[in-house]
Amino acid sequence: MSIDIPKEKEARIIKSVKQYFEENLETEIGDLKASLLLDYILNEIGPVIYNQAVLDAQKFMTEKITDLDSSCYQPEFMYWNKRDGK
């Protein structure tokens, strides 16, 4: 599975990568090197992050679904209990 990023976001990421190299590594890199680094990260590291995000979302949804019984439960057949003061 490949991770596709819209062109406008890709351009912003490349700019950010270049800025990171300049400010933190005191090295200037061009668009090509930044783009190659982005491709590497998306292909090698991206799936790890994506898979973890899916697991986190699945855990979150499972917890919400488990809680559904207690948060959305309405007692049944309560008419006679209310009427008789029970």
N, C-alpha and C. Protein backbone atom coordinates (compact mmCIF):
# COMPACT_ATOMS: atom_id res chain seq x y z
N MET A 1 0.85 -1.17 0.00
CA MET A 1 0.00 0.00 0.00
C MET A 1 0.89 1.23 0.00
N SER A 2 0.60 2.15 -0.87
CA SER A 2 1.39 3.39 -0.86
C SER A 2 0.57 4.50 -0.22
N ILE A 3 1.29 5.42 0.39
CA ILE A 3 0.65 6.56 1.02
C ILE A 3 0.75 7.72 0.06
N ASP A 4 -0.39 8.17 -0.44
CA ASP A 4 -0.42 9.27 -1.39
C ASP A 4 -0.70 10.58 -0.66
N ILE A 5 0.09 11.57 -0.99
CA ILE A 5 -0.06 12.88 -0.37
C ILE A 5 -0.38 13.87 -1.48
N PRO A 6 -1.37 14.72 -1.28
CA PRO A 6 -1.68 15.74 -2.29
C PRO A 6 -0.45 16.62 -2.57
N LYS A 7 -0.33 17.07 -3.80
CA LYS A 7 0.85 17.83 -4.25
C LYS A 7 1.12 19.05 -3.39
N GLU A 8 0.07 19.78 -3.01
CA GLU A 8 0.29 20.99 -2.21
C GLU A 8 0.85 20.66 -0.83
N LYS A 9 0.41 19.55 -0.25
CA LYS A 9 0.95 19.13 1.04
C LYS A 9 2.38 18.60 0.89
N GLU A 10 2.62 17.90 -0.20
CA GLU A 10 3.97 17.38 -0.46
C GLU A 10 4.96 18.54 -0.57
N ALA A 11 4.57 19.60 -1.24
CA ALA A 11 5.44 20.78 -1.37
C ALA A 11 5.73 21.39 0.00
N ARG A 12 4.73 21.44 0.86
CA ARG A 12 4.93 21.98 2.22
C ARG A 12 5.83 21.08 3.04
N ILE A 13 5.69 19.78 2.87
CA ILE A 13 6.54 18.83 3.60
C ILE A 13 8.00 18.98 3.15
N ILE A 14 8.19 19.07 1.85
CA ILE A 14 9.56 19.24 1.32
C ILE A 14 10.18 20.51 1.86
N LYS A 15 9.43 21.58 1.88
CA LYS A 15 9.92 22.84 2.44
C LYS A 15 10.28 22.67 3.91
N SER A 16 9.45 21.96 4.66
CA SER A 16 9.70 21.71 6.07
C SER A 16 10.95 20.86 6.28
N VAL A 17 11.14 19.84 5.47
CA VAL A 17 12.32 18.99 5.56
C VAL A 17 13.58 19.82 5.31
N LYS A 18 13.54 20.65 4.28
CA LYS A 18 14.69 21.50 3.97
C LYS A 18 15.00 22.44 5.13
N GLN A 19 13.96 23.02 5.71
CA GLN A 19 14.14 23.93 6.84
C GLN A 19 14.71 23.18 8.05
N TYR A 20 14.24 21.97 8.27
CA TYR A 20 14.74 21.16 9.38
C TYR A 20 16.24 20.92 9.23
N PHE A 21 16.66 20.53 8.02
CA PHE A 21 18.08 20.28 7.77
C PHE A 21 18.91 21.54 8.00
N GLU A 22 18.40 22.66 7.55
CA GLU A 22 19.14 23.92 7.71
C GLU A 22 19.27 24.31 9.18
N GLU A 23 18.17 24.23 9.93
CA GLU A 23 18.17 24.71 11.30
C GLU A 23 18.76 23.73 12.31
N ASN A 24 18.59 22.44 12.09
CA ASN A 24 19.02 21.46 13.08
C ASN A 24 20.29 20.72 12.71
N LEU A 25 20.55 20.59 11.43
CA LEU A 25 21.74 19.86 10.99
C LEU A 25 22.77 20.76 10.31
N GLU A 26 22.44 22.04 10.23
CA GLU A 26 23.30 23.03 9.60
C GLU A 26 23.78 22.57 8.22
N THR A 27 22.85 21.99 7.46
CA THR A 27 23.11 21.49 6.12
C THR A 27 21.98 21.93 5.21
N GLU A 28 22.34 22.44 4.06
CA GLU A 28 21.32 22.79 3.07
C GLU A 28 21.15 21.62 2.11
N ILE A 29 19.89 21.27 1.86
CA ILE A 29 19.60 20.26 0.86
C ILE A 29 18.61 20.85 -0.13
N GLY A 30 18.62 20.31 -1.32
CA GLY A 30 17.72 20.80 -2.35
C GLY A 30 16.40 20.05 -2.36
N ASP A 31 15.55 20.47 -3.27
CA ASP A 31 14.23 19.84 -3.40
C ASP A 31 14.34 18.35 -3.71
N LEU A 32 15.30 17.97 -4.56
CA LEU A 32 15.42 16.56 -4.94
C LEU A 32 15.76 15.70 -3.74
N LYS A 33 16.76 16.10 -2.96
CA LYS A 33 17.14 15.31 -1.78
C LYS A 33 16.00 15.26 -0.76
N ALA A 34 15.34 16.38 -0.56
CA ALA A 34 14.21 16.41 0.38
C ALA A 34 13.09 15.51 -0.12
N SER A 35 12.85 15.50 -1.41
CA SER A 35 11.81 14.66 -2.00
C SER A 35 12.18 13.18 -1.88
N LEU A 36 13.44 12.85 -2.10
CA LEU A 36 13.88 11.46 -1.96
C LEU A 36 13.76 11.00 -0.51
N LEU A 37 14.09 11.87 0.43
CA LEU A 37 13.94 11.54 1.85
C LEU A 37 12.47 11.32 2.20
N LEU A 38 11.61 12.18 1.67
CA LEU A 38 10.18 12.03 1.91
C LEU A 38 9.69 10.69 1.35
N ASP A 39 10.10 10.34 0.15
CA ASP A 39 9.71 9.06 -0.44
C ASP A 39 10.16 7.89 0.43
N TYR A 40 11.40 7.98 0.93
CA TYR A 40 11.91 6.92 1.80
C TYR A 40 11.06 6.80 3.06
N ILE A 41 10.80 7.93 3.69
CA ILE A 41 10.02 7.92 4.93
C ILE A 41 8.62 7.36 4.68
N LEU A 42 7.98 7.79 3.60
CA LEU A 42 6.63 7.31 3.30
C LEU A 42 6.62 5.81 3.05
N ASN A 43 7.64 5.30 2.37
CA ASN A 43 7.67 3.87 2.02
C ASN A 43 8.17 2.98 3.15
N GLU A 44 9.10 3.48 3.93
CA GLU A 44 9.72 2.64 4.96
C GLU A 44 9.10 2.84 6.34
N ILE A 45 8.85 4.07 6.72
CA ILE A 45 8.37 4.38 8.06
C ILE A 45 6.87 4.63 8.07
N GLY A 46 6.34 5.16 7.00
CA GLY A 46 4.92 5.48 6.90
C GLY A 46 4.00 4.33 7.26
N PRO A 47 4.25 3.11 6.74
CA PRO A 47 3.35 2.00 7.08
C PRO A 47 3.32 1.67 8.57
N VAL A 48 4.45 1.86 9.26
CA VAL A 48 4.48 1.61 10.70
C VAL A 48 3.55 2.60 11.42
N ILE A 49 3.65 3.86 11.05
CA ILE A 49 2.81 4.89 11.66
C ILE A 49 1.34 4.66 11.29
N TYR A 50 1.09 4.35 10.04
CA TYR A 50 -0.28 4.10 9.57
C TYR A 50 -0.91 2.93 10.33
N ASN A 51 -0.16 1.83 10.43
CA ASN A 51 -0.69 0.64 11.12
C ASN A 51 -0.98 0.94 12.58
N GLN A 52 -0.11 1.71 13.23
CA GLN A 52 -0.35 2.06 14.63
C GLN A 52 -1.58 2.94 14.76
N ALA A 53 -1.75 3.87 13.83
CA ALA A 53 -2.92 4.74 13.85
C ALA A 53 -4.20 3.93 13.69
N VAL A 54 -4.17 2.94 12.81
CA VAL A 54 -5.35 2.08 12.62
C VAL A 54 -5.63 1.29 13.90
N LEU A 55 -4.58 0.76 14.54
CA LEU A 55 -4.78 0.04 15.80
C LEU A 55 -5.34 0.95 16.88
N ASP A 56 -4.83 2.17 16.96
CA ASP A 56 -5.34 3.13 17.95
C ASP A 56 -6.81 3.46 17.69
N ALA A 57 -7.16 3.67 16.43
CA ALA A 57 -8.55 3.96 16.08
C ALA A 57 -9.45 2.77 16.38
N GLN A 58 -8.96 1.58 16.08
CA GLN A 58 -9.73 0.36 16.35
C GLN A 58 -9.97 0.20 17.86
N LYS A 59 -8.93 0.44 18.67
CA LYS A 59 -9.07 0.36 20.12
C LYS A 59 -10.09 1.38 20.62
N PHE A 60 -9.99 2.60 20.12
CA PHE A 60 -10.91 3.66 20.51
C PHE A 60 -12.35 3.28 20.17
N MET A 61 -12.57 2.80 18.96
CA MET A 61 -13.93 2.43 18.53
C MET A 61 -14.45 1.24 19.33
N THR A 62 -13.59 0.27 19.61
CA THR A 62 -14.00 -0.89 20.40
C THR A 62 -14.44 -0.46 21.79
N GLU A 63 -13.68 0.48 22.40
CA GLU A 63 -14.06 0.97 23.72
C GLU A 63 -15.41 1.69 23.67
N LYS A 64 -15.64 2.48 22.63
CA LYS A 64 -16.90 3.20 22.50
C LYS A 64 -18.06 2.23 22.26
N ILE A 65 -17.84 1.20 21.47
CA ILE A 65 -18.89 0.23 21.19
C ILE A 65 -19.20 -0.58 22.45
N THR A 66 -18.17 -0.92 23.20
CA THR A 66 -18.37 -1.66 24.45
C THR A 66 -19.18 -0.83 25.43
N ASP A 67 -18.94 0.47 25.45
CA ASP A 67 -19.64 1.37 26.36
C ASP A 67 -21.07 1.67 25.89
N LEU A 68 -21.38 1.31 24.66
CA LEU A 68 -22.69 1.61 24.09
C LEU A 68 -23.83 1.00 24.90
N ASP A 69 -23.65 -0.22 25.38
CA ASP A 69 -24.70 -0.87 26.16
C ASP A 69 -25.06 -0.08 27.41
N SER A 70 -24.06 0.42 28.11
CA SER A 70 -24.35 1.13 29.37
C SER A 70 -24.79 2.56 29.12
N SER A 71 -24.29 3.20 28.09
CA SER A 71 -24.64 4.60 27.88
C SER A 71 -25.95 4.78 27.11
N CYS A 72 -26.38 3.77 26.40
CA CYS A 72 -27.60 3.92 25.59
C CYS A 72 -28.72 2.97 26.04
N TYR A 73 -28.55 2.34 27.16
CA TYR A 73 -29.55 1.38 27.62
C TYR A 73 -30.73 2.09 28.25
N GLN A 74 -31.92 1.64 27.95
CA GLN A 74 -33.14 2.14 28.58
C GLN A 74 -33.87 0.94 29.19
N PRO A 75 -34.24 1.06 30.44
CA PRO A 75 -34.97 -0.05 31.07
C PRO A 75 -36.27 -0.34 30.31
N GLU A 76 -36.64 -1.58 30.28
CA GLU A 76 -37.83 -2.01 29.54
C GLU A 76 -38.98 -2.30 30.51
N PHE A 77 -40.15 -2.22 30.00
CA PHE A 77 -41.37 -2.59 30.74
C PHE A 77 -41.46 -1.88 32.10
N MET A 78 -41.27 -0.59 32.07
CA MET A 78 -41.27 0.18 33.32
C MET A 78 -42.63 0.80 33.65
N TYR A 79 -43.58 0.69 32.76
CA TYR A 79 -44.88 1.32 32.98
C TYR A 79 -45.50 0.90 34.31
N TRP A 80 -45.57 -0.39 34.55
CA TRP A 80 -46.25 -0.88 35.75
C TRP A 80 -45.44 -0.58 37.00
N ASN A 81 -44.11 -0.60 36.87
CA ASN A 81 -43.29 -0.25 38.03
C ASN A 81 -43.50 1.19 38.44
N LYS A 82 -43.59 2.09 37.48
CA LYS A 82 -43.80 3.50 37.77
C LYS A 82 -45.20 3.71 38.35
N ARG A 83 -46.17 3.02 37.78
CA ARG A 83 -47.56 3.16 38.18
C ARG A 83 -47.81 2.64 39.59
N ASP A 84 -47.12 1.53 39.89
CA ASP A 84 -47.30 0.93 41.22
C ASP A 84 -46.32 1.49 42.25
N GLY A 85 -45.49 2.46 41.85
CA GLY A 85 -44.54 3.08 42.77
C GLY A 85 -43.31 2.23 43.06
N LYS A 86 -43.01 1.34 42.17
CA LYS A 86 -41.84 0.46 42.38
C LYS A 86 -40.60 1.06 41.77
